[in-house]
Amino acid sequence: MKQATGELNITVVIVVAVAILSVFFFAILWPNIKNTFIATNKCSDAVCDKRTLSEGLVTCKYYKNGRQEGTEFKCPWKG
């Protein structure tokens, strides 16, 4: 019986640890990954000014269905 109780305790600890790691991933890491992915995709589809800024970035605008969507943003110059 003691061995079964020990195994139950370890199972509970593992389930709680997985739950904490899942909350950390989906609450903190995933939004950052998602926003970076969206920004990268917008930069690849954006219309950019050819004048390079001092940091190696250019000012870009994103157009969807012929209309400008959002504000200007900066993307790395790809040449």
C-alpha atoms as a PDB file:
ATOM      1  CA  MET A   1       0.000   0.000   0.000  1.00  0.00           C
ATOM      2  CA  LYS A   2       2.852   2.390   0.794  1.00  0.00           C
ATOM      3  CA  GLN A   3       4.341   1.813  -2.640  1.00  0.00           C
ATOM      4  CA  ALA A   4       1.018   2.619  -4.333  1.00  0.00           C
ATOM      5  CA  THR A   5       0.711   5.836  -2.319  1.00  0.00           C
ATOM      6  CA  GLY A   6       4.235   6.852  -3.347  1.00  0.00           C
ATOM      7  CA  GLU A   7       3.454   6.248  -6.987  1.00  0.00           C
ATOM      8  CA  LEU A   8       0.268   8.310  -6.674  1.00  0.00           C
ATOM      9  CA  ASN A   9       2.223  11.181  -5.127  1.00  0.00           C
ATOM     10  CA  ILE A  10       4.779  11.103  -7.936  1.00  0.00           C
ATOM     11  CA  THR A  11       1.967  11.052 -10.497  1.00  0.00           C
ATOM     12  CA  VAL A  12       0.337  14.077  -8.886  1.00  0.00           C
ATOM     13  CA  VAL A  13       3.677  15.940  -8.847  1.00  0.00           C
ATOM     14  CA  ILE A  14       4.249  15.164 -12.525  1.00  0.00           C
ATOM     15  CA  VAL A  15       0.703  16.225 -13.512  1.00  0.00           C
ATOM     16  CA  VAL A  16       1.071  19.500 -11.589  1.00  0.00           C
ATOM     17  CA  ALA A  17       4.503  20.142 -13.162  1.00  0.00           C
ATOM     18  CA  VAL A  18       3.132  19.533 -16.668  1.00  0.00           C
ATOM     19  CA  ALA A  19       0.189  21.840 -15.943  1.00  0.00           C
ATOM     20  CA  ILE A  20       2.504  24.622 -14.717  1.00  0.00           C
ATOM     21  CA  LEU A  21       4.749  24.266 -17.766  1.00  0.00           C
ATOM     22  CA  SER A  22       1.714  24.293 -20.079  1.00  0.00           C
ATOM     23  CA  VAL A  23       0.345  27.460 -18.506  1.00  0.00           C
ATOM     24  CA  PHE A  24       3.769  29.118 -18.774  1.00  0.00           C
ATOM     25  CA  PHE A  25       4.090  28.133 -22.439  1.00  0.00           C
ATOM     26  CA  PHE A  26       0.603  29.162 -23.538  1.00  0.00           C
ATOM     27  CA  ALA A  27       0.410  32.330 -21.412  1.00  0.00           C
ATOM     28  CA  ILE A  28       3.916  33.740 -21.921  1.00  0.00           C
ATOM     29  CA  LEU A  29       5.873  32.041 -24.699  1.00  0.00           C
ATOM     30  CA  TRP A  30       3.171  31.308 -27.288  1.00  0.00           C
ATOM     31  CA  PRO A  31       1.932  34.922 -27.674  1.00  0.00           C
ATOM     32  CA  ASN A  32       5.520  36.057 -28.308  1.00  0.00           C
ATOM     33  CA  ILE A  33       6.098  33.301 -30.859  1.00  0.00           C
ATOM     34  CA  LYS A  34       2.775  34.077 -32.565  1.00  0.00           C
ATOM     35  CA  ASN A  35       3.448  37.836 -32.737  1.00  0.00           C
ATOM     36  CA  THR A  36       6.935  37.253 -34.155  1.00  0.00           C
ATOM     37  CA  PHE A  37       5.508  34.909 -36.776  1.00  0.00           C
ATOM     38  CA  ILE A  38       2.830  37.435 -37.780  1.00  0.00           C
ATOM     39  CA  ALA A  39       5.366  40.277 -37.959  1.00  0.00           C
ATOM     40  CA  THR A  40       7.716  38.184 -40.103  1.00  0.00           C
ATOM     41  CA  ASN A  41       4.908  37.296 -42.496  1.00  0.00           C
ATOM     42  CA  LYS A  42       3.773  40.901 -42.734  1.00  0.00           C
ATOM     43  CA  CYS A  43       7.351  41.971 -43.522  1.00  0.00           C
ATOM     44  CA  SER A  44       7.541  39.455 -46.349  1.00  0.00           C
ATOM     45  CA  ASP A  45       4.264  40.764 -47.843  1.00  0.00           C
ATOM     46  CA  ALA A  46       4.834  44.465 -47.145  1.00  0.00           C
ATOM     47  CA  VAL A  47       5.677  47.292 -49.517  1.00  0.00           C
ATOM     48  CA  CYS A  48       8.859  48.898 -48.233  1.00  0.00           C
ATOM     49  CA  ASP A  49      10.621  52.197 -48.808  1.00  0.00           C
ATOM     50  CA  LYS A  50      14.082  51.618 -50.299  1.00  0.00           C
ATOM     51  CA  ARG A  51      15.765  54.121 -47.975  1.00  0.00           C
ATOM     52  CA  THR A  52      17.503  52.126 -45.259  1.00  0.00           C
ATOM     53  CA  LEU A  53      17.396  53.498 -41.733  1.00  0.00           C
ATOM     54  CA  SER A  54      20.445  53.564 -39.462  1.00  0.00           C
ATOM     55  CA  GLU A  55      19.650  50.202 -37.824  1.00  0.00           C
ATOM     56  CA  GLY A  56      19.419  48.361 -41.151  1.00  0.00           C
ATOM     57  CA  LEU A  57      15.641  48.599 -41.111  1.00  0.00           C
ATOM     58  CA  VAL A  58      13.238  50.076 -43.636  1.00  0.00           C
ATOM     59  CA  THR A  59       9.812  51.614 -43.189  1.00  0.00           C
ATOM     60  CA  CYS A  60       7.073  49.409 -44.636  1.00  0.00           C
ATOM     61  CA  LYS A  61       3.313  49.430 -45.160  1.00  0.00           C
ATOM     62  CA  TYR A  62       1.105  46.378 -45.387  1.00  0.00           C
ATOM     63  CA  TYR A  63      -1.710  46.308 -47.935  1.00  0.00           C
ATOM     64  CA  LYS A  64      -4.574  43.835 -47.933  1.00  0.00           C
ATOM     65  CA  ASN A  65      -7.072  43.801 -50.805  1.00  0.00           C
ATOM     66  CA  GLY A  66      -5.678  47.066 -52.139  1.00  0.00           C
ATOM     67  CA  ARG A  67      -6.164  48.958 -48.863  1.00  0.00           C
ATOM     68  CA  GLN A  68      -3.520  49.853 -46.334  1.00  0.00           C
ATOM     69  CA  GLU A  69      -3.942  47.812 -43.180  1.00  0.00           C
ATOM     70  CA  GLY A  70      -2.596  49.171 -39.905  1.00  0.00           C
ATOM     71  CA  THR A  71       0.197  51.680 -39.556  1.00  0.00           C
ATOM     72  CA  GLU A  72       3.730  51.859 -40.808  1.00  0.00           C
ATOM     73  CA  PHE A  73       6.183  49.447 -39.266  1.00  0.00           C
ATOM     74  CA  LYS A  74       9.859  48.593 -39.607  1.00  0.00           C
ATOM     75  CA  CYS A  75      11.299  45.503 -41.252  1.00  0.00           C
ATOM     76  CA  PRO A  76      14.871  44.353 -41.878  1.00  0.00           C
ATOM     77  CA  TRP A  77      16.177  45.365 -45.301  1.00  0.00           C
ATOM     78  CA  LYS A  78      16.440  42.281 -47.530  1.00  0.00           C
ATOM     79  CA  GLY A  79      17.999  43.971 -50.532  1.00  0.00           C
END
